[in-house]
């Protein structure tokens, strides 16, 4: 075999070994897949809560909210965001709490100034 042929076979073997290594490293264990699923679920709940809750609060109070002052969650079934209002003397609100339930797929409870607006 010539030197050129040896080099070509060596490079081909290197590529094959690389593909085999990448293919085997991409396999995930059941626990890793469950953890990734939980993270995706929690992220989806946060994204939905950050879209729906501020819109509903603005519709009811007229005050736009941006960043919650407190967040509570069990990271699987519910997510509660709480805000402290700035313009309570000008028709806004003092406190607002919005709970999103993954079972319902939307806002399950909205409380503004201790008055329950939505309860599902």
N, C-alpha and C. Protein backbone atom coordinates (compact mmCIF):
# COMPACT_ATOMS: atom_id res chain seq x y z
N UNK A 1 0.84 -1.17 0.00
CA UNK A 1 0.00 0.00 0.00
C UNK A 1 0.89 1.24 0.00
N UNK A 2 0.49 2.21 -0.76
CA UNK A 2 1.29 3.43 -0.85
C UNK A 2 1.04 4.32 0.38
N UNK A 3 1.90 5.29 0.57
CA UNK A 3 1.77 6.23 1.70
C UNK A 3 0.48 7.03 1.60
N UNK A 4 0.10 7.42 0.39
CA UNK A 4 -1.13 8.20 0.19
C UNK A 4 -2.34 7.39 0.63
N UNK A 5 -2.38 6.12 0.27
CA UNK A 5 -3.49 5.26 0.62
C UNK A 5 -3.57 5.09 2.13
N UNK A 6 -2.44 4.98 2.81
CA UNK A 6 -2.42 4.86 4.26
C UNK A 6 -2.98 6.12 4.93
N UNK A 7 -2.63 7.28 4.41
CA UNK A 7 -3.12 8.56 4.95
C UNK A 7 -4.62 8.66 4.76
N UNK A 8 -5.13 8.30 3.59
CA UNK A 8 -6.57 8.36 3.31
C UNK A 8 -7.32 7.43 4.25
N UNK A 9 -6.83 6.21 4.45
CA UNK A 9 -7.48 5.26 5.36
C UNK A 9 -7.43 5.75 6.81
N UNK A 10 -6.34 6.37 7.19
CA UNK A 10 -6.22 6.92 8.54
C UNK A 10 -7.23 8.04 8.79
N UNK A 11 -7.39 8.94 7.83
CA UNK A 11 -8.35 10.04 7.95
C UNK A 11 -9.77 9.48 7.99
N UNK A 12 -10.07 8.49 7.14
CA UNK A 12 -11.40 7.88 7.13
C UNK A 12 -11.69 7.21 8.46
N UNK A 13 -10.72 6.50 9.03
CA UNK A 13 -10.90 5.86 10.33
C UNK A 13 -11.13 6.90 11.42
N UNK A 14 -10.45 8.03 11.34
CA UNK A 14 -10.61 9.11 12.31
C UNK A 14 -12.03 9.67 12.24
N UNK A 15 -12.55 9.88 11.02
CA UNK A 15 -13.91 10.39 10.87
C UNK A 15 -14.93 9.39 11.43
N UNK A 16 -14.75 8.12 11.14
CA UNK A 16 -15.68 7.10 11.62
C UNK A 16 -15.65 7.05 13.15
N UNK A 17 -14.47 7.10 13.74
CA UNK A 17 -14.36 7.09 15.20
C UNK A 17 -15.04 8.33 15.80
N UNK A 18 -14.90 9.46 15.16
CA UNK A 18 -15.54 10.69 15.64
C UNK A 18 -17.05 10.58 15.61
N UNK A 19 -17.61 10.05 14.50
CA UNK A 19 -19.06 9.89 14.41
C UNK A 19 -19.58 8.91 15.46
N UNK A 20 -18.85 7.84 15.71
CA UNK A 20 -19.26 6.87 16.73
C UNK A 20 -19.23 7.51 18.11
N UNK A 21 -18.22 8.29 18.41
CA UNK A 21 -18.13 8.95 19.72
C UNK A 21 -19.27 9.94 19.92
N UNK A 22 -19.57 10.73 18.91
CA UNK A 22 -20.66 11.71 19.02
C UNK A 22 -22.00 10.99 19.17
N UNK A 23 -22.20 9.93 18.41
CA UNK A 23 -23.45 9.18 18.48
C UNK A 23 -23.69 8.56 19.84
N UNK A 24 -22.67 8.02 20.45
CA UNK A 24 -22.85 7.39 21.76
C UNK A 24 -22.97 8.42 22.88
N UNK A 25 -22.38 9.58 22.74
CA UNK A 25 -22.46 10.59 23.80
C UNK A 25 -23.80 11.31 23.82
N UNK A 26 -24.57 11.25 22.74
CA UNK A 26 -25.85 11.93 22.68
C UNK A 26 -26.96 11.15 23.37
N UNK A 27 -26.75 9.90 23.69
CA UNK A 27 -27.77 9.11 24.36
C UNK A 27 -27.92 9.60 25.80
N UNK A 28 -29.19 9.81 26.22
CA UNK A 28 -29.45 10.31 27.56
C UNK A 28 -30.06 9.20 28.41
N UNK A 29 -29.78 9.25 29.68
CA UNK A 29 -30.41 8.29 30.59
C UNK A 29 -31.84 8.75 30.86
N UNK A 30 -32.63 7.86 31.45
CA UNK A 30 -34.03 8.18 31.76
C UNK A 30 -34.11 9.36 32.72
N UNK A 31 -33.22 9.42 33.70
CA UNK A 31 -33.22 10.52 34.67
C UNK A 31 -32.89 11.85 34.00
N UNK A 32 -31.94 11.83 33.08
CA UNK A 32 -31.59 13.07 32.36
C UNK A 32 -32.76 13.54 31.51
N UNK A 33 -33.47 12.62 30.89
CA UNK A 33 -34.63 12.99 30.08
C UNK A 33 -35.74 13.56 30.95
N UNK A 34 -35.97 12.97 32.14
CA UNK A 34 -36.99 13.49 33.06
C UNK A 34 -36.62 14.88 33.55
N UNK A 35 -35.36 15.09 33.88
CA UNK A 35 -34.91 16.40 34.34
C UNK A 35 -35.08 17.44 33.25
N UNK A 36 -34.71 17.09 32.03
CA UNK A 36 -34.86 18.02 30.91
C UNK A 36 -36.33 18.34 30.68
N UNK A 37 -37.21 17.36 30.83
CA UNK A 37 -38.64 17.58 30.66
C UNK A 37 -39.18 18.52 31.73
N UNK A 38 -38.75 18.33 32.98
CA UNK A 38 -39.19 19.21 34.06
C UNK A 38 -38.74 20.65 33.83
N UNK A 39 -37.52 20.81 33.34
CA UNK A 39 -37.01 22.16 33.07
C UNK A 39 -37.81 22.81 31.95
N UNK A 40 -38.13 22.06 30.90
CA UNK A 40 -38.94 22.61 29.80
C UNK A 40 -40.33 22.99 30.28
N UNK A 41 -40.94 22.16 31.15
CA UNK A 41 -42.26 22.45 31.68
C UNK A 41 -42.24 23.72 32.53
N UNK A 42 -41.26 23.85 33.40
CA UNK A 42 -41.16 25.04 34.26
C UNK A 42 -40.92 26.30 33.43
N UNK A 43 -40.08 26.18 32.41
CA UNK A 43 -39.82 27.32 31.54
C UNK A 43 -41.08 27.73 30.79
N UNK A 44 -41.85 26.76 30.32
CA UNK A 44 -43.10 27.06 29.62
C UNK A 44 -44.10 27.73 30.54
N UNK A 45 -44.17 27.27 31.81
CA UNK A 45 -45.07 27.91 32.78
C UNK A 45 -44.66 29.35 33.04
N UNK A 46 -43.35 29.58 33.19
CA UNK A 46 -42.88 30.95 33.43
C UNK A 46 -43.17 31.85 32.23
N UNK A 47 -42.95 31.35 31.05
CA UNK A 47 -43.20 32.14 29.85
C UNK A 47 -44.68 32.50 29.74
N UNK A 48 -45.55 31.52 29.99
CA UNK A 48 -46.99 31.77 29.91
C UNK A 48 -47.42 32.76 30.99
N UNK A 49 -46.90 32.61 32.21
CA UNK A 49 -47.26 33.52 33.30
C UNK A 49 -46.77 34.94 33.01
N UNK A 50 -45.59 35.07 32.44
CA UNK A 50 -45.05 36.40 32.14
C UNK A 50 -45.77 37.07 30.97
N UNK A 51 -46.52 36.31 30.19
CA UNK A 51 -47.32 36.91 29.12
C UNK A 51 -48.73 37.24 29.61
N UNK A 52 -49.37 36.28 30.25
CA UNK A 52 -50.79 36.42 30.60
C UNK A 52 -51.03 37.33 31.81
N UNK A 53 -50.26 37.15 32.88
CA UNK A 53 -50.53 37.89 34.11
C UNK A 53 -50.38 39.40 33.95
N UNK A 54 -49.27 39.92 33.41
CA UNK A 54 -49.18 41.38 33.25
C UNK A 54 -50.28 41.96 32.36
N UNK A 55 -50.69 41.23 31.32
CA UNK A 55 -51.76 41.72 30.46
C UNK A 55 -53.08 41.81 31.22
N UNK A 56 -53.37 40.80 32.04
CA UNK A 56 -54.62 40.79 32.80
C UNK A 56 -54.60 41.89 33.87
N UNK A 57 -53.47 42.09 34.53
CA UNK A 57 -53.36 43.14 35.54
C UNK A 57 -53.54 44.52 34.91
N UNK A 58 -52.93 44.73 33.75
CA UNK A 58 -53.07 46.02 33.07
C UNK A 58 -54.52 46.24 32.63
N UNK A 59 -55.18 45.18 32.17
CA UNK A 59 -56.56 45.31 31.73
C UNK A 59 -57.46 45.72 32.89
N UNK A 60 -57.19 45.21 34.08
CA UNK A 60 -58.05 45.49 35.25
C UNK A 60 -57.69 46.80 35.94
N UNK A 61 -56.38 47.06 36.12
CA UNK A 61 -55.96 48.24 36.89
C UNK A 61 -55.52 49.42 36.03
N UNK A 62 -55.12 49.16 34.82
CA UNK A 62 -54.59 50.22 33.97
C UNK A 62 -53.11 50.48 34.20
N UNK A 63 -52.52 49.75 35.13
CA UNK A 63 -51.10 49.93 35.44
C UNK A 63 -50.29 48.79 34.84
N UNK A 64 -49.24 49.13 34.14
CA UNK A 64 -48.36 48.14 33.52
C UNK A 64 -47.36 47.62 34.55
N UNK A 65 -47.21 46.30 34.63
CA UNK A 65 -46.23 45.68 35.52
C UNK A 65 -45.18 44.98 34.66
N UNK A 66 -43.97 44.95 35.18
CA UNK A 66 -42.88 44.35 34.41
C UNK A 66 -42.24 43.19 35.13
N UNK A 67 -41.60 43.42 36.25
CA UNK A 67 -40.85 42.39 36.95
C UNK A 67 -41.52 42.08 38.28
N UNK A 68 -41.82 40.82 38.54
CA UNK A 68 -42.46 40.48 39.82
C UNK A 68 -41.49 40.68 40.98
N UNK A 69 -42.05 41.05 42.13
CA UNK A 69 -41.22 41.24 43.32
C UNK A 69 -40.98 39.91 44.03
N UNK A 70 -41.83 38.92 43.75
CA UNK A 70 -41.69 37.62 44.40
C UNK A 70 -42.24 36.54 43.47
N UNK A 71 -41.63 35.37 43.50
CA UNK A 71 -42.07 34.23 42.71
C UNK A 71 -42.10 33.00 43.60
N UNK A 72 -43.21 32.26 43.56
CA UNK A 72 -43.33 31.00 44.30
C UNK A 72 -43.77 29.92 43.33
N UNK A 73 -43.22 28.71 43.52
CA UNK A 73 -43.60 27.61 42.65
C UNK A 73 -43.15 26.28 43.24
N UNK A 74 -43.86 25.21 42.87
CA UNK A 74 -43.38 23.88 43.20
C UNK A 74 -42.63 23.30 42.00
N UNK A 75 -42.47 24.09 40.96
CA UNK A 75 -41.73 23.77 39.73
C UNK A 75 -42.35 22.65 38.92
N UNK A 76 -43.58 22.26 39.25
CA UNK A 76 -44.25 21.22 38.48
C UNK A 76 -45.69 21.58 38.14
N UNK A 77 -46.45 22.08 39.11
CA UNK A 77 -47.88 22.27 38.88
C UNK A 77 -48.36 23.72 38.90
N UNK A 78 -47.69 24.59 39.63
CA UNK A 78 -48.16 25.97 39.70
C UNK A 78 -46.99 26.95 39.76
N UNK A 79 -47.30 28.19 39.43
CA UNK A 79 -46.34 29.29 39.51
C UNK A 79 -47.10 30.53 39.94
N UNK A 80 -46.66 31.17 41.02
CA UNK A 80 -47.31 32.38 41.53
C UNK A 80 -46.34 33.54 41.42
N UNK A 81 -46.78 34.60 40.76
CA UNK A 81 -46.01 35.84 40.63
C UNK A 81 -46.70 36.92 41.44
N UNK A 82 -45.91 37.71 42.18
CA UNK A 82 -46.47 38.80 42.99
C UNK A 82 -45.79 40.10 42.61
N UNK A 83 -46.60 41.16 42.55
CA UNK A 83 -46.09 42.49 42.23
C UNK A 83 -46.51 43.48 43.31
N UNK A 84 -45.71 44.51 43.47
CA UNK A 84 -46.04 45.63 44.34
C UNK A 84 -46.27 46.82 43.43
N UNK A 85 -47.47 47.41 43.52
CA UNK A 85 -47.84 48.53 42.65
C UNK A 85 -47.16 49.82 43.05
N UNK A 86 -47.09 50.74 42.10
CA UNK A 86 -46.45 52.03 42.33
C UNK A 86 -47.44 53.18 42.41
N UNK A 87 -48.56 53.07 41.70
CA UNK A 87 -49.50 54.19 41.61
C UNK A 87 -50.83 53.86 42.28
N UNK A 88 -50.80 53.41 43.53
CA UNK A 88 -52.04 53.02 44.19
C UNK A 88 -52.96 54.21 44.45
N UNK A 89 -52.41 55.41 44.55
CA UNK A 89 -53.24 56.60 44.77
C UNK A 89 -53.84 57.12 43.48
N UNK A 90 -53.32 56.70 42.34
CA UNK A 90 -53.80 57.18 41.04
C UNK A 90 -54.60 56.12 40.29
N UNK A 91 -55.26 55.22 41.02
CA UNK A 91 -56.10 54.22 40.38
C UNK A 91 -55.39 52.91 40.08
N UNK A 92 -54.15 52.76 40.50
CA UNK A 92 -53.41 51.53 40.27
C UNK A 92 -53.74 50.50 41.33
N UNK A 93 -52.74 49.84 41.85
CA UNK A 93 -52.94 48.82 42.86
C UNK A 93 -51.77 48.82 43.84
N UNK A 94 -51.99 48.24 45.02
CA UNK A 94 -50.92 48.11 46.01
C UNK A 94 -50.18 46.79 45.81
N UNK A 95 -50.94 45.70 45.76
CA UNK A 95 -50.33 44.39 45.56
C UNK A 95 -51.17 43.58 44.56
N UNK A 96 -50.50 42.73 43.82
CA UNK A 96 -51.18 41.84 42.89
C UNK A 96 -50.49 40.49 42.94
N UNK A 97 -51.30 39.44 42.90
CA UNK A 97 -50.79 38.08 42.90
C UNK A 97 -51.49 37.31 41.80
N UNK A 98 -50.72 36.64 40.98
CA UNK A 98 -51.26 35.89 39.86
C UNK A 98 -50.69 34.47 39.90
N UNK A 99 -51.59 33.48 39.96
CA UNK A 99 -51.17 32.09 39.99
C UNK A 99 -51.56 31.42 38.68
N UNK A 100 -50.61 30.75 38.09
CA UNK A 100 -50.84 30.02 36.86
C UNK A 100 -50.71 28.54 37.16
N UNK A 101 -51.68 27.75 36.73
CA UNK A 101 -51.68 26.32 36.97
C UNK A 101 -51.43 25.59 35.65
N UNK A 102 -50.52 24.63 35.67
CA UNK A 102 -50.24 23.89 34.44
C UNK A 102 -51.39 22.96 34.09
N UNK A 103 -52.17 22.51 35.08
CA UNK A 103 -53.32 21.64 34.80
C UNK A 103 -54.42 22.39 34.06
N UNK A 104 -54.60 23.65 34.40
CA UNK A 104 -55.62 24.48 33.74
C UNK A 104 -55.08 25.05 32.44
N UNK A 105 -53.80 25.33 32.43
CA UNK A 105 -53.19 25.90 31.22
C UNK A 105 -53.39 27.40 31.13
N UNK A 106 -53.61 28.03 32.25
CA UNK A 106 -53.80 29.47 32.26
C UNK A 106 -53.87 29.97 33.69
N UNK A 107 -54.37 31.20 33.84
CA UNK A 107 -54.46 31.82 35.16
C UNK A 107 -55.52 31.09 35.98
N UNK A 108 -55.12 30.59 37.14
CA UNK A 108 -56.09 29.92 38.02
C UNK A 108 -56.56 30.83 39.14
N UNK A 109 -55.74 31.84 39.47
CA UNK A 109 -56.14 32.78 40.53
C UNK A 109 -55.46 34.13 40.30
N UNK A 110 -56.25 35.18 40.38
CA UNK A 110 -55.72 36.54 40.28
C UNK A 110 -56.30 37.35 41.42
N UNK A 111 -55.43 37.88 42.27
CA UNK A 111 -55.84 38.66 43.43
C UNK A 111 -55.17 40.02 43.34
N UNK A 112 -55.99 41.08 43.35
CA UNK A 112 -55.46 42.45 43.31
C UNK A 112 -55.99 43.18 44.53
N UNK A 113 -55.09 43.71 45.35
CA UNK A 113 -55.43 44.40 46.60
C UNK A 113 -56.38 43.56 47.46
N UNK A 114 -56.03 42.29 47.63
CA UNK A 114 -56.77 41.33 48.44
C UNK A 114 -58.19 41.07 47.94
N UNK A 115 -58.48 41.45 46.70
CA UNK A 115 -59.79 41.20 46.08
C UNK A 115 -59.57 40.14 45.01
N UNK A 116 -60.30 39.03 45.13
CA UNK A 116 -60.15 37.92 44.19
C UNK A 116 -60.87 38.28 42.88
N UNK A 117 -60.11 38.36 41.80
CA UNK A 117 -60.66 38.69 40.49
C UNK A 117 -60.98 37.41 39.71
N UNK A 118 -60.06 36.46 39.71
CA UNK A 118 -60.23 35.19 39.02
C UNK A 118 -59.95 34.07 40.01
N UNK A 119 -60.82 33.07 40.05
CA UNK A 119 -60.61 31.89 40.89
C UNK A 119 -61.17 30.69 40.14
N UNK A 120 -60.28 29.82 39.67
CA UNK A 120 -60.72 28.62 38.93
C UNK A 120 -60.32 27.39 39.70
